[in-house]
N, C-alpha and C. Protein backbone atom coordinates (compact mmCIF):
# COMPACT_ATOMS: atom_id res chain seq x y z
N MET A 1 37.50 -16.29 13.29
CA MET A 1 37.31 -14.80 13.18
C MET A 1 37.51 -14.15 14.59
N ASP A 2 38.32 -13.12 14.56
CA ASP A 2 38.58 -12.40 15.83
C ASP A 2 37.44 -11.63 16.27
N LYS A 3 37.45 -11.03 17.48
CA LYS A 3 36.35 -10.31 18.06
C LYS A 3 36.01 -9.08 17.28
N GLY A 4 36.95 -8.38 16.82
CA GLY A 4 36.75 -7.17 16.04
C GLY A 4 36.06 -7.43 14.72
N SER A 5 36.44 -8.51 14.03
CA SER A 5 35.72 -8.91 12.81
C SER A 5 34.37 -9.36 13.06
N MET A 6 34.18 -10.06 14.14
CA MET A 6 32.82 -10.56 14.53
C MET A 6 31.92 -9.33 14.78
N ARG A 7 32.38 -8.33 15.45
CA ARG A 7 31.59 -7.16 15.77
C ARG A 7 31.19 -6.42 14.45
N LYS A 8 32.14 -6.28 13.58
CA LYS A 8 31.87 -5.61 12.23
C LYS A 8 30.87 -6.49 11.50
N PHE A 9 30.96 -7.75 11.49
CA PHE A 9 30.01 -8.58 10.79
C PHE A 9 28.58 -8.47 11.38
N LYS A 10 28.52 -8.45 12.73
CA LYS A 10 27.21 -8.28 13.37
C LYS A 10 26.59 -6.92 13.01
N ARG A 11 27.45 -5.83 13.01
CA ARG A 11 26.89 -4.57 12.59
C ARG A 11 26.36 -4.55 11.12
N LEU A 12 27.17 -5.16 10.30
CA LEU A 12 26.74 -5.24 8.89
C LEU A 12 25.44 -5.99 8.79
N LEU A 13 25.31 -7.06 9.50
CA LEU A 13 24.15 -7.89 9.48
C LEU A 13 22.96 -7.04 9.95
N TYR A 14 23.21 -6.33 11.06
CA TYR A 14 22.07 -5.44 11.61
C TYR A 14 21.65 -4.37 10.56
N VAL A 15 22.58 -3.71 9.94
CA VAL A 15 22.31 -2.68 8.93
C VAL A 15 21.53 -3.27 7.79
N VAL A 16 21.99 -4.46 7.29
CA VAL A 16 21.33 -5.09 6.16
C VAL A 16 19.89 -5.42 6.52
N SER A 17 19.69 -5.92 7.75
CA SER A 17 18.30 -6.28 8.20
C SER A 17 17.45 -5.07 8.27
N LEU A 18 17.93 -3.93 8.69
CA LEU A 18 17.19 -2.68 8.77
C LEU A 18 16.81 -2.23 7.36
N VAL A 19 17.79 -2.30 6.43
CA VAL A 19 17.47 -1.91 5.02
C VAL A 19 16.40 -2.79 4.47
N VAL A 20 16.48 -4.06 4.65
CA VAL A 20 15.52 -5.03 4.09
C VAL A 20 14.17 -4.70 4.76
N THR A 21 14.12 -4.45 5.97
CA THR A 21 12.84 -4.23 6.70
C THR A 21 12.20 -2.99 6.20
N PHE A 22 12.93 -1.84 6.04
CA PHE A 22 12.31 -0.62 5.68
C PHE A 22 12.30 -0.29 4.14
N SER A 23 12.89 -1.14 3.32
CA SER A 23 12.92 -0.84 1.90
C SER A 23 11.57 -1.09 1.29
N ALA A 24 10.77 -1.92 1.80
CA ALA A 24 9.36 -2.11 1.34
C ALA A 24 8.50 -1.66 2.53
N CYS A 25 7.37 -1.25 2.28
CA CYS A 25 6.50 -0.69 3.31
C CYS A 25 5.57 -1.72 3.89
N GLN A 26 5.99 -2.91 3.76
CA GLN A 26 5.29 -4.02 4.50
C GLN A 26 6.32 -5.02 4.89
N SER A 27 6.00 -5.75 5.87
CA SER A 27 6.89 -6.78 6.47
C SER A 27 6.77 -8.05 5.68
N LEU A 28 7.99 -8.58 5.39
CA LEU A 28 8.00 -9.90 4.69
C LEU A 28 8.76 -10.85 5.59
N SER A 29 8.36 -12.08 5.65
CA SER A 29 9.06 -13.07 6.38
C SER A 29 10.37 -13.36 5.63
N LEU A 30 11.43 -13.74 6.35
CA LEU A 30 12.74 -13.97 5.74
C LEU A 30 12.63 -15.18 4.74
N LYS A 31 11.66 -16.05 5.00
CA LYS A 31 11.40 -17.22 4.06
C LYS A 31 10.63 -16.88 2.91
N GLN A 32 10.08 -15.70 2.82
CA GLN A 32 9.18 -15.32 1.73
C GLN A 32 9.93 -14.74 0.55
N SER A 33 9.68 -15.25 -0.67
CA SER A 33 10.39 -14.73 -1.83
C SER A 33 9.53 -13.74 -2.62
N THR A 34 8.25 -13.71 -2.45
CA THR A 34 7.42 -12.84 -3.16
C THR A 34 6.72 -11.84 -2.22
N SER A 35 6.18 -10.76 -2.74
CA SER A 35 5.57 -9.82 -1.91
C SER A 35 4.22 -10.36 -1.28
N VAL A 36 3.87 -9.76 -0.21
CA VAL A 36 2.67 -10.16 0.50
C VAL A 36 1.46 -9.71 -0.27
N VAL A 37 0.41 -10.59 -0.30
CA VAL A 37 -0.85 -10.24 -0.94
C VAL A 37 -1.77 -9.86 0.27
N HIS A 38 -2.29 -8.68 0.27
CA HIS A 38 -3.22 -8.19 1.33
C HIS A 38 -4.62 -8.30 0.92
N ASP A 39 -5.51 -8.67 1.86
CA ASP A 39 -6.95 -8.67 1.59
C ASP A 39 -7.36 -7.20 1.35
N GLU A 40 -8.25 -6.99 0.40
CA GLU A 40 -8.89 -5.75 0.18
C GLU A 40 -10.35 -5.91 0.44
N TYR A 41 -10.92 -4.99 1.19
CA TYR A 41 -12.30 -5.13 1.70
C TYR A 41 -13.32 -4.36 0.84
N LEU A 42 -12.86 -3.52 -0.13
CA LEU A 42 -13.73 -2.86 -1.01
C LEU A 42 -13.27 -3.07 -2.44
N SER A 43 -14.27 -2.96 -3.30
CA SER A 43 -14.02 -3.20 -4.72
C SER A 43 -14.47 -2.03 -5.56
N SER A 44 -14.10 -2.08 -6.80
CA SER A 44 -14.65 -1.02 -7.74
C SER A 44 -16.12 -1.04 -7.72
N GLY A 45 -16.73 0.15 -7.61
CA GLY A 45 -18.22 0.25 -7.58
C GLY A 45 -18.76 0.42 -6.17
N ASP A 46 -18.00 0.08 -5.15
CA ASP A 46 -18.41 0.32 -3.73
C ASP A 46 -18.26 1.76 -3.47
N PHE A 47 -19.15 2.29 -2.56
CA PHE A 47 -19.08 3.68 -2.16
C PHE A 47 -17.91 3.89 -1.14
N LEU A 48 -17.30 5.04 -1.31
CA LEU A 48 -16.24 5.47 -0.42
C LEU A 48 -16.77 5.49 1.00
N PRO A 49 -16.18 4.74 1.97
CA PRO A 49 -16.73 4.69 3.35
C PRO A 49 -16.30 5.81 4.28
N ILE A 50 -15.92 6.92 3.63
CA ILE A 50 -15.59 8.15 4.46
C ILE A 50 -16.41 9.26 3.98
N GLU A 51 -17.13 9.92 4.89
CA GLU A 51 -17.97 11.08 4.52
C GLU A 51 -17.22 12.36 4.66
N SER A 52 -16.34 12.44 5.74
CA SER A 52 -15.58 13.68 5.99
C SER A 52 -14.40 13.25 6.79
N ILE A 53 -13.41 14.15 6.82
CA ILE A 53 -12.19 13.89 7.61
C ILE A 53 -11.59 15.29 8.02
N THR A 54 -10.96 15.32 9.19
CA THR A 54 -10.33 16.53 9.60
C THR A 54 -8.84 16.45 9.28
N THR A 55 -8.39 17.47 8.60
CA THR A 55 -6.93 17.48 8.22
C THR A 55 -6.03 17.83 9.49
N ILE A 56 -4.72 17.71 9.30
CA ILE A 56 -3.86 17.96 10.42
C ILE A 56 -3.81 19.44 10.73
N ASP A 57 -4.43 20.26 9.88
CA ASP A 57 -4.56 21.71 10.15
C ASP A 57 -5.86 22.08 10.65
N GLY A 58 -6.71 21.08 10.96
CA GLY A 58 -8.05 21.37 11.60
C GLY A 58 -9.18 21.68 10.63
N GLU A 59 -8.90 21.53 9.31
CA GLU A 59 -9.90 21.78 8.28
C GLU A 59 -10.75 20.45 8.13
N ILE A 60 -12.08 20.62 8.10
CA ILE A 60 -12.95 19.49 7.82
C ILE A 60 -13.20 19.37 6.35
N LEU A 61 -12.79 18.27 5.77
CA LEU A 61 -13.05 17.99 4.37
C LEU A 61 -14.21 17.13 4.12
N ASN A 62 -15.21 17.54 3.51
CA ASN A 62 -16.32 16.70 3.09
C ASN A 62 -16.05 16.04 1.80
N PHE A 63 -16.40 14.79 1.70
CA PHE A 63 -16.21 14.07 0.46
C PHE A 63 -17.56 14.12 -0.32
N GLN A 64 -17.90 15.31 -0.75
CA GLN A 64 -19.14 15.55 -1.37
C GLN A 64 -19.17 15.01 -2.86
N LEU A 65 -20.39 14.85 -3.34
CA LEU A 65 -20.58 14.41 -4.67
C LEU A 65 -20.13 15.44 -5.64
N GLY A 66 -19.79 15.06 -6.89
CA GLY A 66 -19.50 16.07 -7.95
C GLY A 66 -18.06 16.29 -8.17
N LYS A 67 -17.17 15.71 -7.45
CA LYS A 67 -15.74 15.95 -7.63
C LYS A 67 -15.02 14.57 -7.51
N ARG A 68 -14.09 14.29 -8.46
CA ARG A 68 -13.26 13.08 -8.32
C ARG A 68 -12.32 13.31 -7.18
N LYS A 69 -11.95 12.16 -6.54
CA LYS A 69 -11.08 12.24 -5.42
C LYS A 69 -9.97 11.12 -5.52
N LEU A 70 -8.78 11.49 -5.09
CA LEU A 70 -7.68 10.57 -4.91
C LEU A 70 -7.37 10.48 -3.39
N VAL A 71 -7.66 9.35 -2.86
CA VAL A 71 -7.37 9.10 -1.48
C VAL A 71 -6.12 8.25 -1.42
N ILE A 72 -5.20 8.70 -0.59
CA ILE A 72 -3.91 8.02 -0.44
C ILE A 72 -3.70 7.65 0.99
N PHE A 73 -3.43 6.35 1.23
CA PHE A 73 -3.04 5.95 2.60
C PHE A 73 -1.53 5.71 2.52
N PHE A 74 -0.78 6.21 3.49
CA PHE A 74 0.69 6.26 3.44
C PHE A 74 1.20 6.21 4.87
N ALA A 75 2.53 6.21 4.98
CA ALA A 75 3.25 6.37 6.26
C ALA A 75 4.46 7.23 5.99
N THR A 76 4.78 8.08 6.91
CA THR A 76 5.93 8.97 6.72
C THR A 76 7.24 8.28 6.64
N TRP A 77 7.39 7.10 7.34
CA TRP A 77 8.64 6.35 7.40
C TRP A 77 8.82 5.37 6.16
N CYS A 78 7.80 5.29 5.33
CA CYS A 78 7.79 4.39 4.21
C CYS A 78 8.54 4.96 2.93
N HIS A 79 9.51 4.29 2.53
CA HIS A 79 10.24 4.67 1.32
C HIS A 79 9.34 4.86 0.15
N ASP A 80 8.49 3.91 -0.12
CA ASP A 80 7.61 3.97 -1.28
C ASP A 80 6.64 5.14 -1.16
N SER A 81 6.16 5.43 0.06
CA SER A 81 5.27 6.56 0.25
C SER A 81 6.01 7.89 -0.04
N ASN A 82 7.25 7.96 0.49
CA ASN A 82 8.05 9.20 0.21
C ASN A 82 8.26 9.37 -1.28
N ASN A 83 8.60 8.35 -2.00
CA ASN A 83 8.80 8.38 -3.44
C ASN A 83 7.49 8.85 -4.15
N LEU A 84 6.38 8.39 -3.70
CA LEU A 84 5.09 8.73 -4.30
C LEU A 84 4.84 10.23 -4.11
N PHE A 85 5.07 10.77 -2.91
CA PHE A 85 4.89 12.19 -2.69
C PHE A 85 5.82 13.08 -3.49
N ASN A 86 7.06 12.57 -3.66
CA ASN A 86 7.98 13.34 -4.51
C ASN A 86 7.51 13.46 -5.87
N ALA A 87 7.01 12.36 -6.46
CA ALA A 87 6.39 12.29 -7.75
C ALA A 87 5.19 13.24 -7.85
N LEU A 88 4.34 13.06 -6.85
CA LEU A 88 3.03 13.83 -6.78
C LEU A 88 3.30 15.31 -6.69
N ASN A 89 4.31 15.71 -5.95
CA ASN A 89 4.66 17.15 -5.82
C ASN A 89 5.04 17.73 -7.14
N ASN A 90 5.59 16.95 -8.02
CA ASN A 90 6.07 17.39 -9.31
C ASN A 90 5.12 17.05 -10.45
N SER A 91 3.88 16.64 -10.17
CA SER A 91 2.97 16.25 -11.20
C SER A 91 1.88 17.28 -11.51
N ALA A 92 1.22 17.11 -12.68
CA ALA A 92 0.13 18.02 -13.03
C ALA A 92 -1.08 17.67 -12.26
N LEU A 93 -1.17 16.60 -11.57
CA LEU A 93 -2.38 16.31 -10.73
C LEU A 93 -2.70 17.33 -9.79
N LEU A 94 -1.67 18.03 -9.21
CA LEU A 94 -1.93 19.04 -8.21
C LEU A 94 -2.57 20.27 -8.77
N GLU A 95 -2.45 20.48 -10.04
CA GLU A 95 -3.05 21.58 -10.76
C GLU A 95 -4.47 21.39 -11.32
N ASN A 96 -4.91 20.13 -11.20
CA ASN A 96 -6.25 19.73 -11.70
C ASN A 96 -7.30 20.09 -10.63
N ASN A 97 -8.12 21.08 -10.90
CA ASN A 97 -9.13 21.54 -9.92
C ASN A 97 -10.30 20.54 -9.89
N ASP A 98 -10.38 19.62 -10.77
CA ASP A 98 -11.46 18.61 -10.82
C ASP A 98 -11.22 17.42 -9.91
N ILE A 99 -10.02 17.38 -9.29
CA ILE A 99 -9.67 16.27 -8.41
C ILE A 99 -9.33 16.85 -7.04
N LYS A 100 -9.92 16.24 -6.01
CA LYS A 100 -9.52 16.49 -4.62
C LYS A 100 -8.63 15.40 -4.13
N ILE A 101 -7.43 15.80 -3.68
CA ILE A 101 -6.44 14.80 -3.17
C ILE A 101 -6.38 14.89 -1.68
N ILE A 102 -6.56 13.79 -0.98
CA ILE A 102 -6.41 13.74 0.45
C ILE A 102 -5.50 12.53 0.81
N ALA A 103 -4.50 12.79 1.57
CA ALA A 103 -3.53 11.70 1.98
C ALA A 103 -3.73 11.47 3.48
N ILE A 104 -3.87 10.19 3.79
CA ILE A 104 -4.11 9.84 5.24
C ILE A 104 -2.98 9.01 5.75
N ALA A 105 -2.33 9.52 6.79
CA ALA A 105 -1.18 8.79 7.37
C ALA A 105 -1.71 7.73 8.29
N ARG A 106 -1.23 6.48 8.08
CA ARG A 106 -1.67 5.32 8.85
C ARG A 106 -0.93 5.17 10.10
N GLU A 107 -1.54 5.10 11.25
CA GLU A 107 -0.94 4.91 12.51
C GLU A 107 0.20 5.92 12.84
N GLU A 108 -0.12 7.19 12.58
CA GLU A 108 0.87 8.28 12.91
C GLU A 108 0.04 9.37 13.62
N ASP A 109 0.78 10.30 14.23
CA ASP A 109 0.14 11.35 14.97
C ASP A 109 0.30 12.70 14.20
N ILE A 110 -0.46 13.67 14.59
CA ILE A 110 -0.45 15.00 13.87
C ILE A 110 0.91 15.65 13.85
N GLU A 111 1.64 15.60 14.97
CA GLU A 111 2.90 16.28 15.09
C GLU A 111 3.95 15.63 14.18
N THR A 112 3.99 14.36 14.07
CA THR A 112 4.91 13.68 13.15
C THR A 112 4.58 14.00 11.69
N VAL A 113 3.32 13.94 11.33
CA VAL A 113 2.88 14.22 9.91
C VAL A 113 3.13 15.67 9.60
N THR A 114 2.86 16.53 10.52
CA THR A 114 3.09 17.98 10.23
C THR A 114 4.56 18.24 10.00
N ALA A 115 5.43 17.70 10.80
CA ALA A 115 6.87 17.94 10.69
C ALA A 115 7.35 17.37 9.33
N TRP A 116 6.84 16.16 9.05
CA TRP A 116 7.18 15.51 7.73
C TRP A 116 6.75 16.34 6.56
N ARG A 117 5.53 16.85 6.57
CA ARG A 117 5.02 17.73 5.52
C ARG A 117 5.90 18.93 5.37
N ASP A 118 6.14 19.66 6.43
CA ASP A 118 6.87 20.86 6.42
C ASP A 118 8.33 20.63 5.89
N LYS A 119 8.95 19.56 6.24
CA LYS A 119 10.30 19.18 5.82
C LYS A 119 10.33 18.92 4.32
N ARG A 120 9.33 18.16 3.83
CA ARG A 120 9.30 17.72 2.45
C ARG A 120 8.50 18.65 1.49
N GLY A 121 7.81 19.64 2.00
CA GLY A 121 7.06 20.58 1.15
C GLY A 121 5.87 19.87 0.49
N ILE A 122 5.17 19.00 1.23
CA ILE A 122 4.02 18.31 0.69
C ILE A 122 2.92 19.25 0.43
N LYS A 123 2.33 19.09 -0.77
CA LYS A 123 1.29 20.11 -1.20
C LYS A 123 -0.19 19.66 -1.20
N VAL A 124 -0.42 18.50 -0.63
CA VAL A 124 -1.84 18.00 -0.61
C VAL A 124 -2.33 18.05 0.86
N SER A 125 -3.61 17.88 0.96
CA SER A 125 -4.31 17.88 2.25
C SER A 125 -3.90 16.58 2.97
N LEU A 126 -3.55 16.73 4.28
CA LEU A 126 -3.08 15.50 5.01
C LEU A 126 -4.00 15.33 6.29
N ALA A 127 -4.23 14.06 6.58
CA ALA A 127 -5.01 13.71 7.78
C ALA A 127 -4.29 12.49 8.40
N VAL A 128 -4.66 12.20 9.65
CA VAL A 128 -4.09 11.01 10.28
C VAL A 128 -5.14 10.02 10.64
N ASP A 129 -4.77 8.76 10.62
CA ASP A 129 -5.56 7.61 11.04
C ASP A 129 -4.73 6.95 12.14
N ASN A 130 -4.63 7.57 13.30
CA ASN A 130 -3.68 7.12 14.27
C ASN A 130 -4.00 5.68 14.86
N ASP A 131 -5.26 5.25 14.81
CA ASP A 131 -5.59 3.94 15.31
C ASP A 131 -5.90 2.94 14.18
N ARG A 132 -5.68 3.34 12.94
CA ARG A 132 -5.88 2.47 11.75
C ARG A 132 -7.31 2.08 11.50
N SER A 133 -8.26 2.79 12.18
CA SER A 133 -9.73 2.48 12.02
C SER A 133 -10.23 2.78 10.61
N LEU A 134 -9.77 3.79 9.98
CA LEU A 134 -10.13 4.12 8.60
C LEU A 134 -9.53 3.15 7.65
N TYR A 135 -8.22 2.93 7.75
CA TYR A 135 -7.52 1.98 6.92
C TYR A 135 -8.13 0.63 6.87
N LYS A 136 -8.58 0.12 8.05
CA LYS A 136 -9.11 -1.25 8.15
C LYS A 136 -10.40 -1.37 7.27
N ARG A 137 -11.04 -0.27 6.92
CA ARG A 137 -12.23 -0.42 6.02
C ARG A 137 -11.84 -0.75 4.58
N PHE A 138 -10.57 -0.53 4.25
CA PHE A 138 -10.09 -0.68 2.87
C PHE A 138 -9.30 -1.97 2.69
N ALA A 139 -8.31 -2.23 3.51
CA ALA A 139 -7.45 -3.39 3.29
C ALA A 139 -6.77 -3.84 4.57
N SER A 140 -6.18 -4.99 4.52
CA SER A 140 -5.51 -5.59 5.73
C SER A 140 -4.09 -5.06 5.87
N GLY A 141 -3.52 -4.57 4.80
CA GLY A 141 -2.10 -4.06 4.88
C GLY A 141 -1.70 -3.51 3.57
N GLY A 142 -0.52 -2.94 3.52
CA GLY A 142 0.19 -2.52 2.37
C GLY A 142 -0.01 -0.99 2.12
N ILE A 143 1.09 -0.26 2.00
CA ILE A 143 1.06 1.19 1.67
C ILE A 143 2.25 1.40 0.73
N PRO A 144 2.16 2.51 -0.02
CA PRO A 144 1.06 3.40 -0.19
C PRO A 144 -0.03 2.80 -0.96
N ARG A 145 -1.21 3.18 -0.61
CA ARG A 145 -2.41 2.69 -1.27
C ARG A 145 -3.11 3.91 -1.91
N LEU A 146 -3.38 3.71 -3.20
CA LEU A 146 -4.08 4.80 -3.99
C LEU A 146 -5.50 4.31 -4.31
N ILE A 147 -6.46 5.20 -3.92
CA ILE A 147 -7.90 4.85 -4.17
C ILE A 147 -8.49 6.06 -5.01
N THR A 148 -8.82 5.78 -6.24
CA THR A 148 -9.51 6.72 -7.13
C THR A 148 -11.00 6.55 -6.92
N VAL A 149 -11.65 7.74 -6.77
CA VAL A 149 -13.10 7.78 -6.46
C VAL A 149 -13.75 8.70 -7.49
N GLY A 150 -14.86 8.25 -8.09
CA GLY A 150 -15.57 9.08 -9.03
C GLY A 150 -16.38 10.19 -8.44
N GLU A 151 -16.99 10.98 -9.25
CA GLU A 151 -17.85 12.10 -8.83
C GLU A 151 -18.98 11.60 -8.01
N ASN A 152 -19.44 10.36 -8.19
CA ASN A 152 -20.56 9.72 -7.47
C ASN A 152 -20.22 9.10 -6.17
N ASN A 153 -18.96 9.27 -5.78
CA ASN A 153 -18.36 8.71 -4.53
C ASN A 153 -18.21 7.24 -4.59
N LYS A 154 -18.20 6.72 -5.77
CA LYS A 154 -17.97 5.21 -5.94
C LYS A 154 -16.49 5.05 -6.26
N ILE A 155 -15.90 3.96 -5.65
CA ILE A 155 -14.49 3.62 -5.86
C ILE A 155 -14.34 3.17 -7.27
N ILE A 156 -13.37 3.81 -7.97
CA ILE A 156 -13.05 3.34 -9.37
C ILE A 156 -12.00 2.22 -9.28
N LYS A 157 -10.93 2.48 -8.53
CA LYS A 157 -9.89 1.49 -8.45
C LYS A 157 -9.08 1.76 -7.13
N MET A 158 -8.61 0.64 -6.59
CA MET A 158 -7.76 0.70 -5.42
C MET A 158 -6.42 0.02 -5.75
N ASN A 159 -5.27 0.65 -5.68
CA ASN A 159 -4.02 0.06 -5.97
C ASN A 159 -3.02 0.17 -4.93
N LEU A 160 -2.16 -0.77 -4.79
CA LEU A 160 -1.00 -0.68 -3.96
C LEU A 160 0.12 -0.09 -4.81
N ALA A 161 0.74 0.99 -4.41
CA ALA A 161 1.60 1.76 -5.25
C ALA A 161 3.10 1.59 -4.82
N GLU A 162 3.56 0.46 -4.76
CA GLU A 162 5.00 0.20 -4.43
C GLU A 162 5.83 0.33 -5.67
N GLY A 163 7.08 0.51 -5.46
CA GLY A 163 8.03 0.45 -6.66
C GLY A 163 8.08 1.73 -7.38
N GLN A 164 8.30 1.59 -8.71
CA GLN A 164 8.47 2.68 -9.65
C GLN A 164 7.18 3.09 -10.34
N GLN A 165 7.24 4.19 -11.02
CA GLN A 165 6.05 4.72 -11.75
C GLN A 165 4.68 4.60 -10.97
N GLN A 166 4.73 5.04 -9.80
CA GLN A 166 3.57 4.91 -8.89
C GLN A 166 2.38 5.73 -9.46
N LEU A 167 2.62 6.89 -10.00
CA LEU A 167 1.49 7.69 -10.48
C LEU A 167 0.81 7.06 -11.63
N GLU A 168 1.48 6.19 -12.39
CA GLU A 168 0.83 5.44 -13.49
C GLU A 168 -0.23 4.47 -12.97
N LYS A 169 -0.21 4.15 -11.66
CA LYS A 169 -1.19 3.28 -11.15
C LYS A 169 -2.51 3.95 -10.83
N ILE A 170 -2.55 5.24 -10.95
CA ILE A 170 -3.80 6.06 -10.73
C ILE A 170 -4.64 5.85 -11.98
N VAL A 171 -5.83 5.25 -11.71
CA VAL A 171 -6.74 4.85 -12.82
C VAL A 171 -8.10 5.50 -12.60
N TRP A 172 -8.61 6.26 -13.62
CA TRP A 172 -9.87 7.01 -13.48
C TRP A 172 -10.97 6.30 -14.22
N GLN A 173 -10.82 5.17 -14.80
CA GLN A 173 -11.95 4.50 -15.57
C GLN A 173 -11.94 3.05 -15.10
């Protein structure tokens, strides 16, 4: 193989490795053939461990009793997270006044999330968890993560929402 062909091959290999790395929102070892199973620290019936959160716009959201909540952990760079928000932006969930939706960006800053929201036209309340301290209460890894919470602030279901038909993974019972 000549030097030019070798350089092209190395570039191709680099691009393929980037695609593999960022196509799923979690890291897989090259020797791994199945997706990673992450530990979850909360179960159905546990109370939501967040009482309030400040959005990227400075609004304090209280997770009060009496309203169902959909809590989403995501990352702006994650392909599956972006697909989820595209689906969510076009869903009837946004019109349901009985559900409060809050999305929390894991290990990101306000400036990045604000620019991402503005570029994509995201329509839900957004907050950041820049040091992963909130996320660590829920799981060891994996995004986007959907957490449905009942009116009593008890977790109904926590799902990793990778792949297709992500909104179908939202469970209210």
